[in-house]
Amino acid sequence: MGPKFDPYLNFQADGSLDTCGPTNFSPHDVVFKLTHVRLKDQANTQVEQAFNPPPALFGNGDLMWEGDIPRGKAKTLVPGPARATGKGRVLHRNGKEEDIEWANDVMLANPSTFLAGKST
């Protein structure tokens, strides 16, 4: 299993931030549970969100994981480059569970500014 973040994470109309990406299940994976997301923006503001209970995805293939950062936390983030880190747990077909962590650079985007011609 090799989950990733989508390159663009979008602020929603209600002010929350949609965090998501491909799960990248392998043939030996059964269940993926997202437990934690952390974002650090270009102003070094850091926001963390735990998911309890964690959302679960079953199967293999190109499924997407998703977890929202609520408006109260997301409003402190600045649109633009950011570093995203995720944590989760995967259950393999052999019955063993494994904690996984991944990170990648993302762009925090505010779609409401797209038509206005602004880049952030």
PDB file of N, CA and C in Angstrom:
ATOM      1  N   MET A   1       0.849  -1.170   0.000  1.00  0.00           N
ATOM      2  CA  MET A   1       0.000   0.000   0.000  1.00  0.00           C
ATOM      3  C   MET A   1       0.892   1.230   0.000  1.00  0.00           C
ATOM      4  N   GLY A   2       0.534   2.182  -0.824  1.00  0.00           N
ATOM      5  CA  GLY A   2       1.327   3.406  -0.912  1.00  0.00           C
ATOM      6  C   GLY A   2       0.456   4.621  -1.126  1.00  0.00           C
ATOM      7  N   PRO A   3      -0.316   5.036  -0.106  1.00  0.00           N
ATOM      8  CA  PRO A   3      -1.180   6.206  -0.293  1.00  0.00           C
ATOM      9  C   PRO A   3      -0.370   7.468  -0.560  1.00  0.00           C
ATOM     10  N   LYS A   4      -1.005   8.400  -1.215  1.00  0.00           N
ATOM     11  CA  LYS A   4      -0.390   9.687  -1.533  1.00  0.00           C
ATOM     12  C   LYS A   4      -1.437  10.782  -1.382  1.00  0.00           C
ATOM     13  N   PHE A   5      -0.984  12.023  -1.344  1.00  0.00           N
ATOM     14  CA  PHE A   5      -1.878  13.173  -1.380  1.00  0.00           C
ATOM     15  C   PHE A   5      -2.041  13.615  -2.829  1.00  0.00           C
ATOM     16  N   ASP A   6      -3.240  14.079  -3.187  1.00  0.00           N
ATOM     17  CA  ASP A   6      -3.402  14.739  -4.478  1.00  0.00           C
ATOM     18  C   ASP A   6      -2.504  15.969  -4.501  1.00  0.00           C
ATOM     19  N   PRO A   7      -2.016  16.378  -5.667  1.00  0.00           N
ATOM     20  CA  PRO A   7      -1.114  17.536  -5.723  1.00  0.00           C
ATOM     21  C   PRO A   7      -1.780  18.843  -5.303  1.00  0.00           C
ATOM     22  N   TYR A   8      -3.098  18.956  -5.526  1.00  0.00           N
ATOM     23  CA  TYR A   8      -3.846  20.157  -5.127  1.00  0.00           C
ATOM     24  C   TYR A   8      -4.887  19.764  -4.094  1.00  0.00           C
ATOM     25  N   LEU A   9      -4.842  20.410  -2.929  1.00  0.00           N
ATOM     26  CA  LEU A   9      -5.850  20.228  -1.894  1.00  0.00           C
ATOM     27  C   LEU A   9      -6.683  21.499  -1.858  1.00  0.00           C
ATOM     28  N   ASN A  10      -7.982  21.354  -2.025  1.00  0.00           N
ATOM     29  CA  ASN A  10      -8.851  22.507  -2.213  1.00  0.00           C
ATOM     30  C   ASN A  10      -9.623  22.903  -0.960  1.00  0.00           C
ATOM     31  N   PHE A  11      -9.648  24.219  -0.706  1.00  0.00           N
ATOM     32  CA  PHE A  11     -10.537  24.761   0.311  1.00  0.00           C
ATOM     33  C   PHE A  11     -11.959  24.677  -0.236  1.00  0.00           C
ATOM     34  N   GLN A  12     -12.899  24.291   0.604  1.00  0.00           N
ATOM     35  CA  GLN A  12     -14.298  24.173   0.207  1.00  0.00           C
ATOM     36  C   GLN A  12     -15.033  25.497   0.475  1.00  0.00           C
ATOM     37  N   ALA A  13     -16.230  25.621  -0.052  1.00  0.00           N
ATOM     38  CA  ALA A  13     -17.019  26.842   0.119  1.00  0.00           C
ATOM     39  C   ALA A  13     -17.280  27.153   1.591  1.00  0.00           C
ATOM     40  N   ASP A  14     -17.369  26.122   2.438  1.00  0.00           N
ATOM     41  CA  ASP A  14     -17.633  26.340   3.867  1.00  0.00           C
ATOM     42  C   ASP A  14     -16.363  26.650   4.663  1.00  0.00           C
ATOM     43  N   GLY A  15     -15.204  26.692   3.983  1.00  0.00           N
ATOM     44  CA  GLY A  15     -13.948  27.011   4.655  1.00  0.00           C
ATOM     45  C   GLY A  15     -13.133  25.811   5.084  1.00  0.00           C
ATOM     46  N   SER A  16     -13.690  24.601   4.975  1.00  0.00           N
ATOM     47  CA  SER A  16     -12.924  23.401   5.318  1.00  0.00           C
ATOM     48  C   SER A  16     -11.929  23.102   4.197  1.00  0.00           C
ATOM     49  N   LEU A  17     -10.985  22.225   4.467  1.00  0.00           N
ATOM     50  CA  LEU A  17      -9.986  21.837   3.476  1.00  0.00           C
ATOM     51  C   LEU A  17     -10.161  20.358   3.177  1.00  0.00           C
ATOM     52  N   ASP A  18     -10.325  20.040   1.904  1.00  0.00           N
ATOM     53  CA  ASP A  18     -10.494  18.662   1.459  1.00  0.00           C
ATOM     54  C   ASP A  18      -9.122  18.037   1.252  1.00  0.00           C
ATOM     55  N   THR A  19      -8.765  17.058   2.086  1.00  0.00           N
ATOM     56  CA  THR A  19      -7.516  16.330   1.908  1.00  0.00           C
ATOM     57  C   THR A  19      -7.857  14.968   1.333  1.00  0.00           C
ATOM     58  N   CYS A  20      -7.144  14.568   0.291  1.00  0.00           N
ATOM     59  CA  CYS A  20      -7.475  13.312  -0.366  1.00  0.00           C
ATOM     60  C   CYS A  20      -6.310  12.854  -1.223  1.00  0.00           C
ATOM     61  N   GLY A  21      -6.436  11.653  -1.735  1.00  0.00           N
ATOM     62  CA  GLY A  21      -5.431  11.112  -2.638  1.00  0.00           C
ATOM     63  C   GLY A  21      -5.695   9.648  -2.901  1.00  0.00           C
ATOM     64  N   PRO A  22      -4.908   9.053  -3.789  1.00  0.00           N
ATOM     65  CA  PRO A  22      -5.087   7.635  -4.100  1.00  0.00           C
ATOM     66  C   PRO A  22      -4.594   6.748  -2.959  1.00  0.00           C
ATOM     67  N   THR A  23      -5.289   5.627  -2.753  1.00  0.00           N
ATOM     68  CA  THR A  23      -4.871   4.681  -1.718  1.00  0.00           C
ATOM     69  C   THR A  23      -3.753   3.774  -2.205  1.00  0.00           C
ATOM     70  N   ASN A  24      -3.768   3.436  -3.487  1.00  0.00           N
ATOM     71  CA  ASN A  24      -2.761   2.532  -4.071  1.00  0.00           C
ATOM     72  C   ASN A  24      -2.708   1.186  -3.342  1.00  0.00           C
ATOM     73  N   PHE A  25      -3.874   0.544  -3.226  1.00  0.00           N
ATOM     74  CA  PHE A  25      -3.936  -0.799  -2.643  1.00  0.00           C
ATOM     75  C   PHE A  25      -3.047  -1.749  -3.439  1.00  0.00           C
ATOM     76  N   SER A  26      -2.430  -2.691  -2.746  1.00  0.00           N
ATOM     77  CA  SER A  26      -1.727  -3.782  -3.417  1.00  0.00           C
ATOM     78  C   SER A  26      -2.637  -5.007  -3.365  1.00  0.00           C
ATOM     79  N   PRO A  27      -2.323  -6.061  -4.118  1.00  0.00           N
ATOM     80  CA  PRO A  27      -3.174  -7.265  -4.094  1.00  0.00           C
ATOM     81  C   PRO A  27      -3.248  -7.918  -2.719  1.00  0.00           C
ATOM     82  N   HIS A  28      -2.310  -7.592  -1.828  1.00  0.00           N
ATOM     83  CA  HIS A  28      -2.280  -8.218  -0.501  1.00  0.00           C
ATOM     84  C   HIS A  28      -2.938  -7.365   0.578  1.00  0.00           C
ATOM     85  N   ASP A  29      -3.524  -6.237   0.206  1.00  0.00           N
ATOM     86  CA  ASP A  29      -4.168  -5.339   1.165  1.00  0.00           C
ATOM     87  C   ASP A  29      -5.678  -5.540   1.151  1.00  0.00           C
ATOM     88  N   VAL A  30      -6.295  -5.486   2.342  1.00  0.00           N
ATOM     89  CA  VAL A  30      -7.734  -5.685   2.464  1.00  0.00           C
ATOM     90  C   VAL A  30      -8.435  -4.391   2.862  1.00  0.00           C
ATOM     91  N   VAL A  31      -7.943  -3.739   3.916  1.00  0.00           N
ATOM     92  CA  VAL A  31      -8.604  -2.549   4.467  1.00  0.00           C
ATOM     93  C   VAL A  31      -7.556  -1.477   4.757  1.00  0.00           C
ATOM     94  N   PHE A  32      -7.908  -0.233   4.440  1.00  0.00           N
ATOM     95  CA  PHE A  32      -7.087   0.919   4.791  1.00  0.00           C
ATOM     96  C   PHE A  32      -7.930   1.851   5.658  1.00  0.00           C
ATOM     97  N   LYS A  33      -7.351   2.306   6.773  1.00  0.00           N
ATOM     98  CA  LYS A  33      -8.020   3.257   7.656  1.00  0.00           C
ATOM     99  C   LYS A  33      -7.140   4.485   7.826  1.00  0.00           C
ATOM    100  N   LEU A  34      -7.676   5.646   7.470  1.00  0.00           N
ATOM    101  CA  LEU A  34      -6.980   6.920   7.642  1.00  0.00           C
ATOM    102  C   LEU A  34      -7.110   7.344   9.100  1.00  0.00           C
ATOM    103  N   THR A  35      -5.982   7.637   9.757  1.00  0.00           N
ATOM    104  CA  THR A  35      -6.037   7.998  11.173  1.00  0.00           C
ATOM    105  C   THR A  35      -5.626   9.441  11.454  1.00  0.00           C
ATOM    106  N   HIS A  36      -4.778  10.040  10.587  1.00  0.00           N
ATOM    107  CA  HIS A  36      -4.222  11.342  10.940  1.00  0.00           C
ATOM    108  C   HIS A  36      -3.700  12.057   9.699  1.00  0.00           C
ATOM    109  N   VAL A  37      -3.918  13.369   9.634  1.00  0.00           N
ATOM    110  CA  VAL A  37      -3.358  14.213   8.574  1.00  0.00           C
ATOM    111  C   VAL A  37      -2.748  15.444   9.231  1.00  0.00           C
ATOM    112  N   ARG A  38      -1.573  15.847   8.733  1.00  0.00           N
ATOM    113  CA  ARG A  38      -0.919  17.073   9.212  1.00  0.00           C
ATOM    114  C   ARG A  38      -0.496  17.890   7.998  1.00  0.00           C
ATOM    115  N   LEU A  39      -0.721  19.200   8.056  1.00  0.00           N
ATOM    116  CA  LEU A  39      -0.316  20.109   6.987  1.00  0.00           C
ATOM    117  C   LEU A  39       0.514  21.233   7.564  1.00  0.00           C
ATOM    118  N   LYS A  40       1.567  21.598   6.845  1.00  0.00           N
ATOM    119  CA  LYS A  40       2.396  22.742   7.228  1.00  0.00           C
ATOM    120  C   LYS A  40       2.504  23.633   6.001  1.00  0.00           C
ATOM    121  N   ASP A  41       1.989  24.874   6.099  1.00  0.00           N
ATOM    122  CA  ASP A  41       1.938  25.759   4.937  1.00  0.00           C
ATOM    123  C   ASP A  41       3.217  26.583   4.808  1.00  0.00           C
ATOM    124  N   GLN A  42       3.258  27.447   3.802  1.00  0.00           N
ATOM    125  CA  GLN A  42       4.455  28.247   3.518  1.00  0.00           C
ATOM    126  C   GLN A  42       4.771  29.260   4.614  1.00  0.00           C
ATOM    127  N   ALA A  43       3.794  29.579   5.469  1.00  0.00           N
ATOM    128  CA  ALA A  43       4.023  30.490   6.590  1.00  0.00           C
ATOM    129  C   ALA A  43       4.411  29.716   7.855  1.00  0.00           C
ATOM    130  N   ASN A  44       4.668  28.392   7.700  1.00  0.00           N
ATOM    131  CA  ASN A  44       5.013  27.493   8.807  1.00  0.00           C
ATOM    132  C   ASN A  44       3.885  27.294   9.802  1.00  0.00           C
ATOM    133  N   THR A  45       2.650  27.563   9.380  1.00  0.00           N
ATOM    134  CA  THR A  45       1.488  27.226  10.202  1.00  0.00           C
ATOM    135  C   THR A  45       1.230  25.741  10.044  1.00  0.00           C
ATOM    136  N   GLN A  46       1.070  25.064  11.169  1.00  0.00           N
ATOM    137  CA  GLN A  46       0.831  23.623  11.135  1.00  0.00           C
ATOM    138  C   GLN A  46      -0.555  23.313  11.687  1.00  0.00           C
ATOM    139  N   VAL A  47      -1.268  22.449  10.976  1.00  0.00           N
ATOM    140  CA  VAL A  47      -2.607  22.017  11.374  1.00  0.00           C
ATOM    141  C   VAL A  47      -2.626  20.498  11.366  1.00  0.00           C
ATOM    142  N   GLU A  48      -3.223  19.919  12.396  1.00  0.00           N
ATOM    143  CA  GLU A  48      -3.343  18.466  12.481  1.00  0.00           C
ATOM    144  C   GLU A  48      -4.789  18.083  12.675  1.00  0.00           C
ATOM    145  N   GLN A  49      -5.167  16.945  12.078  1.00  0.00           N
ATOM    146  CA  GLN A  49      -6.523  16.432  12.233  1.00  0.00           C
ATOM    147  C   GLN A  49      -6.456  14.928  12.437  1.00  0.00           C
ATOM    148  N   ALA A  50      -7.001  14.451  13.557  1.00  0.00           N
ATOM    149  CA  ALA A  50      -7.124  13.015  13.807  1.00  0.00           C
ATOM    150  C   ALA A  50      -8.517  12.577  13.390  1.00  0.00           C
ATOM    151  N   PHE A  51      -8.643  11.355  12.930  1.00  0.00           N
ATOM    152  CA  PHE A  51      -9.927  10.811  12.503  1.00  0.00           C
ATOM    153  C   PHE A  51     -10.280   9.643  13.407  1.00  0.00           C
ATOM    154  N   ASN A  52     -11.310   9.840  14.234  1.00  0.00           N
ATOM    155  CA  ASN A  52     -11.724   8.818  15.178  1.00  0.00           C
ATOM    156  C   ASN A  52     -13.241   8.798  15.261  1.00  0.00           C
ATOM    157  N   PRO A  53     -13.872   7.782  14.733  1.00  0.00           N
ATOM    158  CA  PRO A  53     -13.279   6.586  14.150  1.00  0.00           C
ATOM    159  C   PRO A  53     -12.699   6.890  12.767  1.00  0.00           C
ATOM    160  N   PRO A  54     -11.670   6.150  12.401  1.00  0.00           N
ATOM    161  CA  PRO A  54     -11.054   6.407  11.098  1.00  0.00           C
ATOM    162  C   PRO A  54     -11.934   5.892   9.962  1.00  0.00           C
ATOM    163  N   PRO A  55     -12.047   6.674   8.875  1.00  0.00           N
ATOM    164  CA  PRO A  55     -12.778   6.166   7.718  1.00  0.00           C
ATOM    165  C   PRO A  55     -12.041   4.959   7.142  1.00  0.00           C
ATOM    166  N   ALA A  56     -12.790   3.944   6.705  1.00  0.00           N
ATOM    167  CA  ALA A  56     -12.188   2.713   6.200  1.00  0.00           C
ATOM    168  C   ALA A  56     -12.533   2.511   4.727  1.00  0.00           C
ATOM    169  N   LEU A  57     -11.554   2.062   3.963  1.00  0.00           N
ATOM    170  CA  LEU A  57     -11.746   1.708   2.559  1.00  0.00           C
ATOM    171  C   LEU A  57     -11.390   0.238   2.382  1.00  0.00           C
ATOM    172  N   PHE A  58     -12.199  -0.465   1.604  1.00  0.00           N
ATOM    173  CA  PHE A  58     -11.996  -1.898   1.388  1.00  0.00           C
ATOM    174  C   PHE A  58     -11.665  -2.164  -0.077  1.00  0.00           C
ATOM    175  N   GLY A  59     -10.881  -3.201  -0.320  1.00  0.00           N
ATOM    176  CA  GLY A  59     -10.637  -3.635  -1.684  1.00  0.00           C
ATOM    177  C   GLY A  59      -9.262  -3.303  -2.168  1.00  0.00           C
ATOM    178  N   ASN A  60      -9.082  -3.497  -3.475  1.00  0.00           N
ATOM    179  CA  ASN A  60      -7.823  -3.074  -4.065  1.00  0.00           C
ATOM    180  C   ASN A  60      -8.138  -2.367  -5.363  1.00  0.00           C
ATOM    181  N   GLY A  61      -7.203  -1.610  -5.842  1.00  0.00           N
ATOM    182  CA  GLY A  61      -7.439  -0.825  -7.040  1.00  0.00           C
ATOM    183  C   GLY A  61      -7.094   0.623  -6.787  1.00  0.00           C
ATOM    184  N   ASP A  62      -7.720   1.492  -7.537  1.00  0.00           N
ATOM    185  CA  ASP A  62      -7.400   2.916  -7.488  1.00  0.00           C
ATOM    186  C   ASP A  62      -8.424   3.696  -6.677  1.00  0.00           C
ATOM    187  N   LEU A  63      -8.706   3.264  -5.474  1.00  0.00           N
ATOM    188  CA  LEU A  63      -9.633   3.981  -4.607  1.00  0.00           C
ATOM    189  C   LEU A  63      -8.982   5.237  -4.047  1.00  0.00           C
ATOM    190  N   MET A  64      -9.793   6.210  -3.725  1.00  0.00           N
ATOM    191  CA  MET A  64      -9.301   7.457  -3.135  1.00  0.00           C
ATOM    192  C   MET A  64      -9.651   7.487  -1.651  1.00  0.00           C
ATOM    193  N   TRP A  65      -8.725   7.923  -0.825  1.00  0.00           N
ATOM    194  CA  TRP A  65      -9.018   8.190   0.574  1.00  0.00           C
ATOM    195  C   TRP A  65      -9.371   9.670   0.679  1.00  0.00           C
ATOM    196  N   GLU A  66     -10.101  10.049   1.725  1.00  0.00           N
ATOM    197  CA  GLU A  66     -10.484  11.447   1.912  1.00  0.00           C
ATOM    198  C   GLU A  66     -10.732  11.724   3.386  1.00  0.00           C
ATOM    199  N   GLY A  67     -10.329  12.913   3.814  1.00  0.00           N
ATOM    200  CA  GLY A  67     -10.590  13.371   5.168  1.00  0.00           C
ATOM    201  C   GLY A  67     -10.574  14.889   5.196  1.00  0.00           C
ATOM    202  N   ASP A  68     -11.609  15.483   5.717  1.00  0.00           N
ATOM    203  CA  ASP A  68     -11.702  16.947   5.746  1.00  0.00           C
ATOM    204  C   ASP A  68     -11.071  17.534   6.995  1.00  0.00           C
ATOM    205  N   ILE A  69     -10.408  18.681   6.817  1.00  0.00           N
ATOM    206  CA  ILE A  69      -9.934  19.487   7.936  1.00  0.00           C
ATOM    207  C   ILE A  69     -11.012  20.550   8.145  1.00  0.00           C
ATOM    208  N   PRO A  70     -11.630  20.598   9.310  1.00  0.00           N
ATOM    209  CA  PRO A  70     -12.743  21.526   9.520  1.00  0.00           C
ATOM    210  C   PRO A  70     -12.341  22.994   9.387  1.00  0.00           C
ATOM    211  N   ARG A  71     -13.325  23.804   9.087  1.00  0.00           N
ATOM    212  CA  ARG A  71     -13.133  25.234   8.847  1.00  0.00           C
ATOM    213  C   ARG A  71     -12.328  25.906   9.948  1.00  0.00           C
ATOM    214  N   GLY A  72     -12.621  25.605  11.205  1.00  0.00           N
ATOM    215  CA  GLY A  72     -11.932  26.249  12.322  1.00  0.00           C
ATOM    216  C   GLY A  72     -10.426  26.076  12.279  1.00  0.00           C
ATOM    217  N   LYS A  73      -9.967  24.911  11.853  1.00  0.00           N
ATOM    218  CA  LYS A  73      -8.525  24.663  11.736  1.00  0.00           C
ATOM    219  C   LYS A  73      -8.004  25.151  10.387  1.00  0.00           C
ATOM    220  N   ALA A  74      -8.749  24.896   9.325  1.00  0.00           N
ATOM    221  CA  ALA A  74      -8.286  25.196   7.971  1.00  0.00           C
ATOM    222  C   ALA A  74      -8.125  26.695   7.728  1.00  0.00           C
ATOM    223  N   LYS A  75      -8.900  27.520   8.439  1.00  0.00           N
ATOM    224  CA  LYS A  75      -8.851  28.959   8.161  1.00  0.00           C
ATOM    225  C   LYS A  75      -7.495  29.580   8.518  1.00  0.00           C
ATOM    226  N   THR A  76      -6.675  28.873   9.296  1.00  0.00           N
ATOM    227  CA  THR A  76      -5.358  29.401   9.650  1.00  0.00           C
ATOM    228  C   THR A  76      -4.314  29.127   8.568  1.00  0.00           C
ATOM    229  N   LEU A  77      -4.646  28.265   7.590  1.00  0.00           N
ATOM    230  CA  LEU A  77      -3.702  27.904   6.535  1.00  0.00           C
ATOM    231  C   LEU A  77      -3.708  28.920   5.400  1.00  0.00           C
ATOM    232  N   VAL A  78      -2.535  29.126   4.812  1.00  0.00           N
ATOM    233  CA  VAL A  78      -2.369  30.073   3.716  1.00  0.00           C
ATOM    234  C   VAL A  78      -2.358  29.300   2.396  1.00  0.00           C
ATOM    235  N   PRO A  79      -3.174  29.703   1.393  1.00  0.00           N
ATOM    236  CA  PRO A  79      -3.095  29.046   0.087  1.00  0.00           C
ATOM    237  C   PRO A  79      -1.678  29.148  -0.479  1.00  0.00           C
ATOM    238  N   GLY A  80      -1.266  28.096  -1.165  1.00  0.00           N
ATOM    239  CA  GLY A  80       0.068  28.036  -1.755  1.00  0.00           C
ATOM    240  C   GLY A  80       0.755  26.736  -1.395  1.00  0.00           C
ATOM    241  N   PRO A  81       2.079  26.675  -1.537  1.00  0.00           N
ATOM    242  CA  PRO A  81       2.817  25.436  -1.266  1.00  0.00           C
ATOM    243  C   PRO A  81       2.697  25.008   0.199  1.00  0.00           C
ATOM    244  N   ALA A  82       2.651  23.692   0.401  1.00  0.00           N
ATOM    245  CA  ALA A  82       2.563  23.141   1.752  1.00  0.00           C
ATOM    246  C   ALA A  82       3.155  21.732   1.751  1.00  0.00           C
ATOM    247  N   ARG A  83       3.420  21.226   2.940  1.00  0.00           N
ATOM    248  CA  ARG A  83       3.884  19.848   3.118  1.00  0.00           C
ATOM    249  C   ARG A  83       2.780  19.100   3.849  1.00  0.00           C
ATOM    250  N   ALA A  84       2.364  17.964   3.295  1.00  0.00           N
ATOM    251  CA  ALA A  84       1.291  17.161   3.877  1.00  0.00           C
ATOM    252  C   ALA A  84       1.848  15.822   4.338  1.00  0.00           C
ATOM    253  N   THR A  85       1.413  15.392   5.506  1.00  0.00           N
ATOM    254  CA  THR A  85       1.798  14.103   6.057  1.00  0.00           C
ATOM    255  C   THR A  85       0.534  13.367   6.469  1.00  0.00           C
ATOM    256  N   GLY A  86       0.460  12.097   6.133  1.00  0.00           N
ATOM    257  CA  GLY A  86      -0.692  11.280   6.509  1.00  0.00           C
ATOM    258  C   GLY A  86      -0.249  10.036   7.245  1.00  0.00           C
ATOM    259  N   LYS A  87      -1.152   9.535   8.074  1.00  0.00           N
ATOM    260  CA  LYS A  87      -0.922   8.281   8.789  1.00  0.00           C
ATOM    261  C   LYS A  87      -2.174   7.432   8.670  1.00  0.00           C
ATOM    262  N   GLY A  88      -1.963   6.137   8.624  1.00  0.00           N
ATOM    263  CA  GLY A  88      -3.086   5.221   8.544  1.00  0.00           C
ATOM    264  C   GLY A  88      -2.667   3.836   8.982  1.00  0.00           C
ATOM    265  N   ARG A  89      -3.612   2.935   8.820  1.00  0.00           N
ATOM    266  CA  ARG A  89      -3.377   1.547   9.200  1.00  0.00           C
ATOM    267  C   ARG A  89      -3.939   0.676   8.090  1.00  0.00           C
ATOM    268  N   VAL A  90      -3.167  -0.353   7.705  1.00  0.00           N
ATOM    269  CA  VAL A  90      -3.607  -1.265   6.654  1.00  0.00           C
ATOM    270  C   VAL A  90      -3.675  -2.688   7.200  1.00  0.00           C
ATOM    271  N   LEU A  91      -4.731  -3.389   6.808  1.00  0.00           N
ATOM    272  CA  LEU A  91      -4.882  -4.811   7.137  1.00  0.00           C
ATOM    273  C   LEU A  91      -4.541  -5.595   5.877  1.00  0.00           C
ATOM    274  N   HIS A  92      -3.581  -6.524   6.013  1.00  0.00           N
ATOM    275  CA  HIS A  92      -3.163  -7.356   4.890  1.00  0.00           C
ATOM    276  C   HIS A  92      -3.955  -8.661   4.886  1.00  0.00           C
ATOM    277  N   ARG A  93      -3.989  -9.322   3.752  1.00  0.00           N
ATOM    278  CA  ARG A  93      -4.732 -10.587   3.605  1.00  0.00           C
ATOM    279  C   ARG A  93      -4.234 -11.673   4.558  1.00  0.00           C
ATOM    280  N   ASN A  94      -2.989 -11.593   4.993  1.00  0.00           N
ATOM    281  CA  ASN A  94      -2.451 -12.594   5.928  1.00  0.00           C
ATOM    282  C   ASN A  94      -2.877 -12.315   7.378  1.00  0.00           C
ATOM    283  N   GLY A  95      -3.713 -11.273   7.583  1.00  0.00           N
ATOM    284  CA  GLY A  95      -4.229 -10.957   8.913  1.00  0.00           C
ATOM    285  C   GLY A  95      -3.379  -9.979   9.702  1.00  0.00           C
ATOM    286  N   LYS A  96      -2.227  -9.614   9.198  1.00  0.00           N
ATOM    287  CA  LYS A  96      -1.362  -8.677   9.904  1.00  0.00           C
ATOM    288  C   LYS A  96      -1.763  -7.244   9.594  1.00  0.00           C
ATOM    289  N   GLU A  97      -1.688  -6.390  10.621  1.00  0.00           N
ATOM    290  CA  GLU A  97      -1.944  -4.961  10.450  1.00  0.00           C
ATOM    291  C   GLU A  97      -0.624  -4.213  10.482  1.00  0.00           C
ATOM    292  N   GLU A  98      -0.596  -3.107   9.757  1.00  0.00           N
ATOM    293  CA  GLU A  98       0.637  -2.328   9.661  1.00  0.00           C
ATOM    294  C   GLU A  98       0.303  -0.841   9.687  1.00  0.00           C
ATOM    295  N   ASP A  99       1.043  -0.080  10.504  1.00  0.00           N
ATOM    296  CA  ASP A  99       0.932   1.376  10.473  1.00  0.00           C
ATOM    297  C   ASP A  99       1.730   1.883   9.286  1.00  0.00           C
ATOM    298  N   ILE A 100       1.168   2.847   8.562  1.00  0.00           N
ATOM    299  CA  ILE A 100       1.873   3.427   7.433  1.00  0.00           C
ATOM    300  C   ILE A 100       1.846   4.941   7.553  1.00  0.00           C
ATOM    301  N   GLU A 101       2.842   5.572   6.999  1.00  0.00           N
ATOM    302  CA  GLU A 101       2.948   7.030   7.003  1.00  0.00           C
ATOM    303  C   GLU A 101       3.493   7.459   5.652  1.00  0.00           C
ATOM    304  N   TRP A 102       3.001   8.573   5.149  1.00  0.00           N
ATOM    305  CA  TRP A 102       3.468   9.098   3.874  1.00  0.00           C
ATOM    306  C   TRP A 102       3.450  10.611   3.921  1.00  0.00           C
ATOM    307  N   ALA A 103       4.217  11.225   3.025  1.00  0.00           N
ATOM    308  CA  ALA A 103       4.284  12.680   2.973  1.00  0.00           C
ATOM    309  C   ALA A 103       4.615  13.107   1.551  1.00  0.00           C
ATOM    310  N   ASN A 104       4.094  14.244   1.159  1.00  0.00           N
ATOM    311  CA  ASN A 104       4.499  14.849  -0.095  1.00  0.00           C
ATOM    312  C   ASN A 104       4.137  16.326  -0.106  1.00  0.00           C
ATOM    313  N   ASP A 105       4.773  17.037  -1.026  1.00  0.00           N
ATOM    314  CA  ASP A 105       4.478  18.452  -1.192  1.00  0.00           C
ATOM    315  C   ASP A 105       3.164  18.599  -1.943  1.00  0.00           C
ATOM    316  N   VAL A 106       2.368  19.576  -1.525  1.00  0.00           N
ATOM    317  CA  VAL A 106       1.061  19.835  -2.133  1.00  0.00           C
ATOM    318  C   VAL A 106       0.900  21.337  -2.341  1.00  0.00           C
ATOM    319  N   MET A 107      -0.161  21.688  -3.023  1.00  0.00           N
ATOM    320  CA  MET A 107      -0.546  23.083  -3.202  1.00  0.00           C
ATOM    321  C   MET A 107      -1.927  23.247  -2.575  1.00  0.00           C
ATOM    322  N   LEU A 108      -2.030  24.147  -1.599  1.00  0.00           N
ATOM    323  CA  LEU A 108      -3.330  24.465  -1.009  1.00  0.00           C
ATOM    324  C   LEU A 108      -3.991  25.492  -1.920  1.00  0.00           C
ATOM    325  N   ALA A 109      -5.141  25.140  -2.458  1.00  0.00           N
ATOM    326  CA  ALA A 109      -5.773  25.975  -3.481  1.00  0.00           C
ATOM    327  C   ALA A 109      -7.156  26.427  -3.039  1.00  0.00           C
ATOM    328  N   ASN A 110      -7.469  27.664  -3.377  1.00  0.00           N
ATOM    329  CA  ASN A 110      -8.782  28.221  -3.102  1.00  0.00           C
ATOM    330  C   ASN A 110      -9.517  28.365  -4.431  1.00  0.00           C
ATOM    331  N   PRO A 111     -10.374  27.379  -4.783  1.00  0.00           N
ATOM    332  CA  PRO A 111     -11.046  27.405  -6.079  1.00  0.00           C
ATOM    333  C   PRO A 111     -11.887  28.656  -6.321  1.00  0.00           C
ATOM    334  N   SER A 112     -12.327  29.328  -5.265  1.00  0.00           N
ATOM    335  CA  SER A 112     -13.155  30.527  -5.458  1.00  0.00           C
ATOM    336  C   SER A 112     -12.371  31.644  -6.129  1.00  0.00           C
ATOM    337  N   THR A 113     -11.029  31.567  -6.114  1.00  0.00           N
ATOM    338  CA  THR A 113     -10.216  32.604  -6.763  1.00  0.00           C
ATOM    339  C   THR A 113      -9.838  32.248  -8.195  1.00  0.00           C
ATOM    340  N   PHE A 114     -10.147  31.022  -8.650  1.00  0.00           N
ATOM    341  CA  PHE A 114      -9.752  30.606  -9.988  1.00  0.00           C
ATOM    342  C   PHE A 114     -10.310  31.523 -11.067  1.00  0.00           C
ATOM    343  N   LEU A 115     -11.594  31.828 -10.988  1.00  0.00           N
ATOM    344  CA  LEU A 115     -12.232  32.666 -12.014  1.00  0.00           C
ATOM    345  C   LEU A 115     -11.844  34.125 -11.877  1.00  0.00           C
ATOM    346  N   ALA A 116     -11.348  34.496 -10.717  1.00  0.00           N
ATOM    347  CA  ALA A 116     -10.934  35.879 -10.498  1.00  0.00           C
ATOM    348  C   ALA A 116      -9.538  36.137 -11.063  1.00  0.00           C
ATOM    349  N   GLY A 117      -8.867  35.089 -11.541  1.00  0.00           N
ATOM    350  CA  GLY A 117      -7.549  35.244 -12.136  1.00  0.00           C
ATOM    351  C   GLY A 117      -6.416  35.280 -11.142  1.00  0.00           C
ATOM    352  N   LYS A 118      -6.682  34.926  -9.880  1.00  0.00           N
ATOM    353  CA  LYS A 118      -5.644  34.895  -8.874  1.00  0.00           C
ATOM    354  C   LYS A 118      -5.070  33.499  -8.789  1.00  0.00           C
ATOM    355  N   SER A 119      -3.813  33.385  -8.426  1.00  0.00           N
ATOM    356  CA  SER A 119      -3.168  32.069  -8.362  1.00  0.00           C
ATOM    357  C   SER A 119      -3.327  31.386  -7.008  1.00  0.00           C
ATOM    358  N   THR A 120      -3.784  32.101  -5.988  1.00  0.00           N
ATOM    359  CA  THR A 120      -3.941  31.475  -4.665  1.00  0.00           C
ATOM    360  C   THR A 120      -5.354  31.604  -4.194  1.00  0.00           C
TER     361      THR A 120
END
